[in-house]
């Protein structure tokens, strides 16, 4: 099956993007290079097409209350016009997917699963017989992330709202073209916004952003820079740092669990694991030399015993050194030195607690 394409595919092609398949989608990997794109987001403003993310609208009487019995976090902690990072867990407490839930009102919630997991999330939620009166709609949207210190300036020039609290959203009409959902969120650690809109509007908004941000040096960015930016923040990527065999507690996501709730998927297993303790934990690695860790590399202690595995690894353009995330045996903590097996060559790394970069959100 051919990969799906974004509504902005033609724009990416015209900009000379290099493409990669990701989650069943053909998406830009880079335009002018990861280092340049990464720096643009940290210092000015970058724009990402993240239309591969799913947008699933769940609506009907009591939609938010019902969804709160399924997802890990507690939707009662937020109000209308707010978003919440949350998880859908399996019966063993493993992470089927991580996502943001946006609550417009008690009868309308939109969840944004990862590309490859959208169908799985919909099917798992809909099989609940108590959801029979609810409607599930996979919206045909484009999602554009505007990220960086100058992101608000760029959107202000388009008369889109920017005075929004973190993890909140507002709807706005754009130039008579259509409605835009402006979310104060992102995956980079910088001031940023995500624009969710009908796919037919995508090229118009994209072009307007390029003009509005020209004086700030706005830079289209691909999946390569998105990965280096999120790794510097220690944000997990599903399929690497999160999976159905990695629990929410092992991934240090206890803060995204509504422990006081009566029900959520995987609650029994997660509570049992919380009581007994986990045997491995997701932590950061910072190179003490010039090495760059990569997913799947083994981590050993200084006596040669295997104690874990790298789940994400990259060169940090901000720190100018190799960094990564790794599942390490419980008891290995920040400040300790470990060895990573780089194809037979042992390299020293310091165990750290992410983020590697101080966020500005």
Protein backbone atom coordinates (compact mmCIF):
# COMPACT_ATOMS: atom_id res chain seq x y z
CA UNK A 1 0.00 0.00 0.00
CA UNK A 2 1.33 3.43 -0.94
CA UNK A 3 1.95 5.83 1.95
CA UNK A 4 -0.56 8.61 2.53
CA UNK A 5 0.38 12.15 1.60
CA UNK A 6 -0.23 15.40 3.44
CA UNK A 7 -2.44 18.11 1.91
CA UNK A 8 0.81 20.08 1.74
CA UNK A 9 2.76 17.53 -0.29
CA UNK A 10 3.06 19.84 -3.31
CA UNK A 11 4.43 22.66 -1.17
CA UNK A 12 7.06 20.38 0.34
CA UNK A 13 8.10 19.16 -3.08
CA UNK A 14 8.44 22.72 -4.36
CA UNK A 15 10.67 23.56 -1.38
CA UNK A 16 13.00 20.69 -2.25
CA UNK A 17 12.17 18.54 0.76
CA UNK A 18 13.70 15.11 1.21
CA UNK A 19 10.95 12.66 2.16
CA UNK A 20 10.71 9.63 4.41
CA UNK A 21 7.92 7.21 5.25
CA UNK A 22 6.70 7.58 8.81
CA UNK A 23 3.70 5.83 10.31
CA UNK A 24 2.29 5.04 6.88
CA UNK A 25 2.74 8.60 5.63
CA UNK A 26 5.20 10.20 3.19
CA UNK A 27 6.47 13.21 5.15
CA UNK A 28 9.34 15.71 4.85
CA UNK A 29 12.53 14.52 6.54
CA UNK A 30 14.47 17.74 5.97
CA UNK A 31 14.65 20.74 3.67
CA UNK A 32 18.03 22.42 4.13
CA UNK A 33 19.51 20.23 6.85
CA UNK A 34 18.64 19.16 10.38
CA UNK A 35 21.15 21.47 12.10
CA UNK A 36 19.80 24.58 10.36
CA UNK A 37 16.19 23.61 10.96
CA UNK A 38 16.83 22.77 14.60
CA UNK A 39 18.60 26.10 15.17
CA UNK A 40 15.72 28.02 13.57
CA UNK A 41 13.29 26.63 16.14
CA UNK A 42 15.58 27.30 19.09
CA UNK A 43 16.49 30.85 17.98
CA UNK A 44 13.64 32.18 15.78
CA UNK A 45 10.74 30.20 14.30
CA UNK A 46 10.24 26.96 12.42
CA UNK A 47 7.14 25.46 10.85
CA UNK A 48 6.34 21.74 10.68
CA UNK A 49 3.70 19.82 8.77
CA UNK A 50 2.44 17.21 11.25
CA UNK A 51 -0.70 16.28 9.35
CA UNK A 52 0.17 12.60 9.80
CA UNK A 53 -1.13 12.85 13.38
CA UNK A 54 -4.67 11.56 13.81
CA UNK A 55 -7.55 13.83 14.78
CA UNK A 56 -10.39 11.76 16.23
CA UNK A 57 -13.49 13.61 17.44
CA UNK A 58 -15.63 11.85 20.05
CA UNK A 59 -18.96 13.54 20.61
CA UNK A 60 -22.30 12.89 22.20
CA UNK A 61 -23.87 13.27 25.60
CA UNK A 62 -21.24 12.77 28.30
CA UNK A 63 -18.41 12.11 25.82
CA UNK A 64 -15.74 13.56 28.14
CA UNK A 65 -17.05 11.68 31.16
CA UNK A 66 -17.02 8.39 29.23
CA UNK A 67 -13.54 8.99 27.78
CA UNK A 68 -12.28 9.67 31.29
CA UNK A 69 -13.03 6.03 32.16
CA UNK A 70 -10.68 4.89 29.38
CA UNK A 71 -7.68 7.22 29.20
CA UNK A 72 -5.04 7.32 31.92
CA UNK A 73 -5.02 10.99 32.88
CA UNK A 74 -7.94 12.70 34.59
CA UNK A 75 -10.02 14.89 32.29
CA UNK A 76 -11.70 16.34 35.37
CA UNK A 77 -8.44 18.23 35.99
CA UNK A 78 -9.04 20.42 32.94
CA UNK A 79 -11.91 22.58 31.75
CA UNK A 80 -13.38 23.54 28.41
CA UNK A 81 -10.89 24.91 25.94
CA UNK A 82 -8.00 22.97 27.44
CA UNK A 83 -5.83 20.04 26.37
CA UNK A 84 -4.25 17.25 28.36
CA UNK A 85 -1.43 14.81 27.68
CA UNK A 86 -2.71 11.30 28.32
CA UNK A 87 -2.24 7.61 27.51
CA UNK A 88 -4.30 4.71 26.28
CA UNK A 89 -3.00 1.62 28.07
CA UNK A 90 -3.41 -2.11 27.48
CA UNK A 91 -4.44 -4.56 30.17
CA UNK A 92 -0.80 -4.95 31.30
CA UNK A 93 -0.26 -1.20 31.69
CA UNK A 94 1.72 -0.95 28.44
CA UNK A 95 1.27 2.15 26.29
CA UNK A 96 -0.91 1.57 23.23
CA UNK A 97 -0.47 5.24 22.41
CA UNK A 98 0.23 8.62 23.95
CA UNK A 99 -1.83 11.59 22.79
CA UNK A 100 -3.33 14.94 23.66
CA UNK A 101 -7.05 15.13 24.46
CA UNK A 102 -8.68 18.50 23.69
CA UNK A 103 -11.98 19.20 25.47
CA UNK A 104 -14.26 21.74 23.80
CA UNK A 105 -17.14 20.98 26.15
CA UNK A 106 -18.45 17.95 28.12
CA UNK A 107 -19.94 16.48 24.94
CA UNK A 108 -17.00 17.01 22.54
CA UNK A 109 -13.42 15.81 22.88
CA UNK A 110 -10.77 15.48 20.20
CA UNK A 111 -7.86 13.11 20.69
CA UNK A 112 -4.71 13.24 18.58
CA UNK A 113 -3.08 9.78 18.31
CA UNK A 114 0.20 9.04 16.58
CA UNK A 115 -0.06 8.29 12.87
CA UNK A 116 0.47 4.52 12.94
CA UNK A 117 -1.84 4.04 15.93
CA UNK A 118 -4.92 6.01 14.90
CA UNK A 119 -6.97 3.03 13.71
CA UNK A 120 -5.92 0.98 16.74
CA UNK A 121 -7.01 3.73 19.13
CA UNK A 122 -10.39 4.18 17.44
CA UNK A 123 -11.09 0.44 17.36
CA UNK A 124 -10.11 -0.09 21.00
CA UNK A 125 -12.27 2.79 22.22
CA UNK A 126 -15.29 1.90 20.08
CA UNK A 127 -15.42 -1.72 21.19
CA UNK A 128 -16.65 -0.52 24.60
CA UNK A 129 -20.41 -1.15 24.61
CA UNK A 130 -20.95 1.88 26.84
CA UNK A 131 -19.81 4.05 23.91
CA UNK A 132 -22.77 2.98 21.77
CA UNK A 133 -24.41 6.43 21.92
CA UNK A 134 -21.26 8.33 20.96
CA UNK A 135 -20.01 9.34 17.51
CA UNK A 136 -16.39 8.77 16.47
CA UNK A 137 -15.19 10.86 13.54
CA UNK A 138 -11.75 10.69 11.96
CA UNK A 139 -11.48 14.30 10.85
CA UNK A 140 -9.72 15.12 7.57
CA UNK A 141 -7.43 17.82 8.83
CA UNK A 142 -4.09 19.40 8.24
CA UNK A 143 -1.94 20.16 11.29
CA UNK A 144 0.77 22.80 11.12
CA UNK A 145 3.10 23.40 14.08
CA UNK A 146 4.63 26.87 14.40
CA UNK A 147 7.42 26.66 16.97
CA UNK A 148 10.07 29.00 18.33
CA UNK A 149 10.58 32.30 20.19
CA UNK A 150 9.07 34.30 17.30
CA UNK A 151 6.05 32.03 16.75
CA UNK A 152 3.57 34.39 18.45
CA UNK A 153 4.81 37.31 16.33
CA UNK A 154 4.20 35.35 13.14
CA UNK A 155 0.67 34.35 14.13
CA UNK A 156 -0.19 37.83 15.39
CA UNK A 157 0.38 39.15 11.88
CA UNK A 158 -2.24 36.70 10.63
CA UNK A 159 -4.73 37.86 13.28
CA UNK A 160 -4.71 34.42 14.85
CA UNK A 161 -4.97 34.30 18.67
CA UNK A 162 -1.73 33.87 20.61
CA UNK A 163 -2.71 34.98 24.14
CA UNK A 164 -3.49 31.40 25.06
CA UNK A 165 -2.34 29.54 28.15
CA UNK A 166 -0.09 26.51 27.68
CA UNK A 167 -2.13 23.39 26.75
CA UNK A 168 -5.19 25.47 25.93
CA UNK A 169 -6.85 26.23 22.60
CA UNK A 170 -9.20 28.60 20.83
CA UNK A 171 -11.12 28.55 17.58
CA UNK A 172 -10.66 31.46 15.17
CA UNK A 173 -11.87 32.38 11.71
CA UNK A 174 -9.01 33.00 9.28
CA UNK A 175 -9.51 35.67 6.59
CA UNK A 176 -12.93 34.33 5.63
CA UNK A 177 -11.33 31.07 4.48
CA UNK A 178 -12.39 28.88 7.38
CA UNK A 179 -11.99 27.97 11.02
CA UNK A 180 -8.64 27.28 12.63
CA UNK A 181 -8.17 25.56 15.98
CA UNK A 182 -5.14 27.27 17.54
CA UNK A 183 -3.52 25.12 20.25
CA UNK A 184 -0.80 26.38 22.56
CA UNK A 185 1.25 23.21 22.42
CA UNK A 186 4.12 21.53 20.62
CA UNK A 187 6.89 18.94 20.73
CA UNK A 188 9.97 21.15 20.87
CA UNK A 189 10.18 22.80 24.30
CA UNK A 190 9.83 26.26 22.76
CA UNK A 191 7.00 28.74 22.70
CA UNK A 192 4.76 27.32 20.01
CA UNK A 193 1.35 26.67 18.54
CA UNK A 194 -0.32 23.91 16.56
CA UNK A 195 -2.89 24.89 13.95
CA UNK A 196 -5.58 22.32 13.21
CA UNK A 197 -7.65 23.09 10.12
CA UNK A 198 -9.54 21.63 7.22
CA UNK A 199 -7.12 20.15 4.69
CA UNK A 200 -8.52 22.39 1.95
CA UNK A 201 -7.16 25.43 3.83
CA UNK A 202 -3.66 24.02 4.32
CA UNK A 203 -1.91 25.57 1.32
CA UNK A 204 -3.43 29.00 2.04
CA UNK A 205 -2.30 29.00 5.69
CA UNK A 206 1.13 27.61 4.80
CA UNK A 207 1.73 30.36 2.24
CA UNK A 208 0.53 33.04 4.67
CA UNK A 209 2.91 31.76 7.36
CA UNK A 210 5.85 31.93 4.96
CA UNK A 211 5.08 35.57 4.16
CA UNK A 212 4.30 36.55 7.77
CA UNK A 213 7.49 34.99 9.10
CA UNK A 214 9.86 36.12 6.35
CA UNK A 215 11.48 38.87 8.43
CA UNK A 216 12.03 36.37 11.29
CA UNK A 217 13.66 33.87 8.92
CA UNK A 218 10.87 31.32 9.23
CA UNK A 219 12.19 27.89 8.30
CA UNK A 220 10.20 24.84 7.14
CA UNK A 221 11.35 21.88 9.25
CA UNK A 222 11.13 18.13 8.79
CA UNK A 223 10.98 15.00 10.89
CA UNK A 224 14.75 15.05 11.41
CA UNK A 225 14.71 18.32 13.36
CA UNK A 226 11.53 17.29 15.12
CA UNK A 227 13.40 14.27 16.46
CA UNK A 228 16.47 16.18 17.67
CA UNK A 229 14.29 18.84 19.30
CA UNK A 230 12.07 16.37 21.15
CA UNK A 231 15.05 14.26 22.25
CA UNK A 232 16.70 17.33 23.80
CA UNK A 233 13.47 17.73 25.78
CA UNK A 234 13.35 14.05 26.74
CA UNK A 235 9.92 13.73 25.13
CA UNK A 236 9.19 10.06 24.38
CA UNK A 237 8.41 8.75 20.90
CA UNK A 238 5.91 5.94 20.65
CA UNK A 239 7.42 2.87 19.04
CA UNK A 240 10.80 3.61 20.63
CA UNK A 241 10.54 5.02 24.16
CA UNK A 242 6.91 3.94 24.59
CA UNK A 243 5.20 0.76 23.44
CA UNK A 244 2.76 -1.90 24.53
CA UNK A 245 5.66 -3.64 26.28
CA UNK A 246 6.84 -0.49 28.09
CA UNK A 247 4.56 0.59 30.90
CA UNK A 248 3.63 4.12 31.84
CA UNK A 249 5.61 3.78 35.08
CA UNK A 250 8.72 2.45 33.34
CA UNK A 251 8.54 5.47 31.03
CA UNK A 252 8.32 7.81 34.06
CA UNK A 253 4.83 8.98 33.05
CA UNK A 254 3.19 8.56 36.44
CA UNK A 255 2.26 12.26 36.24
CA UNK A 256 -0.02 11.43 33.28
CA UNK A 257 -2.05 8.96 35.35
CA UNK A 258 -5.17 9.89 37.31
CA UNK A 259 -4.46 7.60 40.24
CA UNK A 260 -7.57 8.71 42.14
CA UNK A 261 -9.92 7.74 39.31
CA UNK A 262 -12.04 4.62 39.78
CA UNK A 263 -11.47 3.39 36.24
CA UNK A 264 -9.14 3.64 33.28
CA UNK A 265 -7.76 1.03 30.91
CA UNK A 266 -4.85 -0.85 32.46
CA UNK A 267 -5.53 0.56 35.95
CA UNK A 268 -5.35 -2.74 37.81
CA UNK A 269 -2.01 -3.72 36.29
CA UNK A 270 -0.54 -0.25 36.74
CA UNK A 271 -1.58 -0.04 40.38
CA UNK A 272 -0.05 -3.45 41.05
CA UNK A 273 3.17 -2.33 39.37
CA UNK A 274 3.18 0.85 41.40
CA UNK A 275 2.93 -1.17 44.61
CA UNK A 276 5.65 -3.67 43.68
CA UNK A 277 7.98 -1.26 41.86
CA UNK A 278 9.41 -1.38 38.34
CA UNK A 279 12.58 -3.19 37.29
CA UNK A 280 13.60 -0.65 34.63
CA UNK A 281 13.22 3.10 34.12
CA UNK A 282 13.53 5.46 31.16
CA UNK A 283 16.39 7.90 31.77
CA UNK A 284 18.71 10.11 29.78
CA UNK A 285 22.26 9.50 28.55
CA UNK A 286 24.81 12.23 27.84
CA UNK A 287 28.03 11.36 26.00
CA UNK A 288 31.28 12.00 27.86
CA UNK A 289 33.14 11.82 24.56
CA UNK A 290 32.19 12.17 20.91
CA UNK A 291 29.92 9.14 20.66
CA UNK A 292 26.33 9.27 19.42
CA UNK A 293 23.96 6.62 20.78
CA UNK A 294 21.39 4.93 18.56
CA UNK A 295 18.24 2.92 19.34
CA UNK A 296 18.89 -0.72 20.12
CA UNK A 297 22.43 -0.25 21.46
CA UNK A 298 23.15 -2.10 24.69
CA UNK A 299 24.01 -0.27 27.91
CA UNK A 300 26.45 -1.88 30.36
CA UNK A 301 27.75 -1.01 33.79
CA UNK A 302 31.47 -0.52 34.35
CA UNK A 303 31.99 -4.21 35.11
CA UNK A 304 30.50 -5.30 31.77
CA UNK A 305 27.04 -6.36 32.94
CA UNK A 306 24.20 -5.47 30.61
CA UNK A 307 21.82 -3.07 32.38
CA UNK A 308 19.64 -1.67 29.64
CA UNK A 309 19.12 -0.53 26.07
CA UNK A 310 19.08 2.77 24.21
CA UNK A 311 15.58 3.63 22.95
CA UNK A 312 16.32 7.01 21.30
CA UNK A 313 19.65 8.60 20.45
CA UNK A 314 20.94 11.50 18.41
CA UNK A 315 23.47 14.31 18.16
CA UNK A 316 22.21 17.35 20.08
CA UNK A 317 22.73 20.48 17.95
CA UNK A 318 22.25 22.66 21.05
CA UNK A 319 24.67 20.81 23.35
CA UNK A 320 26.99 19.67 20.54
CA UNK A 321 27.20 16.17 21.96
CA UNK A 322 25.51 12.79 21.76
CA UNK A 323 22.38 12.32 23.87
CA UNK A 324 19.78 9.63 24.22
CA UNK A 325 17.05 7.94 26.21
CA UNK A 326 17.49 4.43 27.57
CA UNK A 327 15.56 1.89 29.60
CA UNK A 328 17.92 1.17 32.49
CA UNK A 329 17.73 -1.27 35.38
CA UNK A 330 16.15 0.29 38.45
CA UNK A 331 18.88 1.42 40.81
CA UNK A 332 20.94 3.05 38.07
CA UNK A 333 20.49 6.76 38.64
CA UNK A 334 21.51 10.24 37.50
CA UNK A 335 25.19 11.03 37.90
CA UNK A 336 26.39 7.48 37.31
CA UNK A 337 28.66 6.57 34.42
CA UNK A 338 27.69 3.71 32.10
CA UNK A 339 29.04 2.22 28.88
CA UNK A 340 27.19 2.03 25.56
CA UNK A 341 28.17 -0.63 23.05
CA UNK A 342 28.63 1.24 19.75
CA UNK A 343 29.04 -1.77 17.47
CA UNK A 344 31.72 -3.34 19.62
CA UNK A 345 33.33 -0.13 20.84
CA UNK A 346 32.54 0.89 24.42
CA UNK A 347 31.85 4.58 25.01
CA UNK A 348 31.21 6.31 28.34
CA UNK A 349 27.96 8.14 29.05
CA UNK A 350 26.59 9.93 32.09
CA UNK A 351 23.11 8.96 33.24
CA UNK A 352 20.88 12.05 33.53
CA UNK A 353 17.29 12.97 34.17
CA UNK A 354 15.82 14.73 31.11
CA UNK A 355 15.33 17.33 29.79
CA UNK A 356 18.77 18.03 28.38
CA UNK A 357 17.60 21.51 27.35
CA UNK A 358 15.81 24.01 29.60
CA UNK A 359 12.34 24.52 28.09
CA UNK A 360 10.86 27.93 27.38
CA UNK A 361 7.22 26.80 27.28
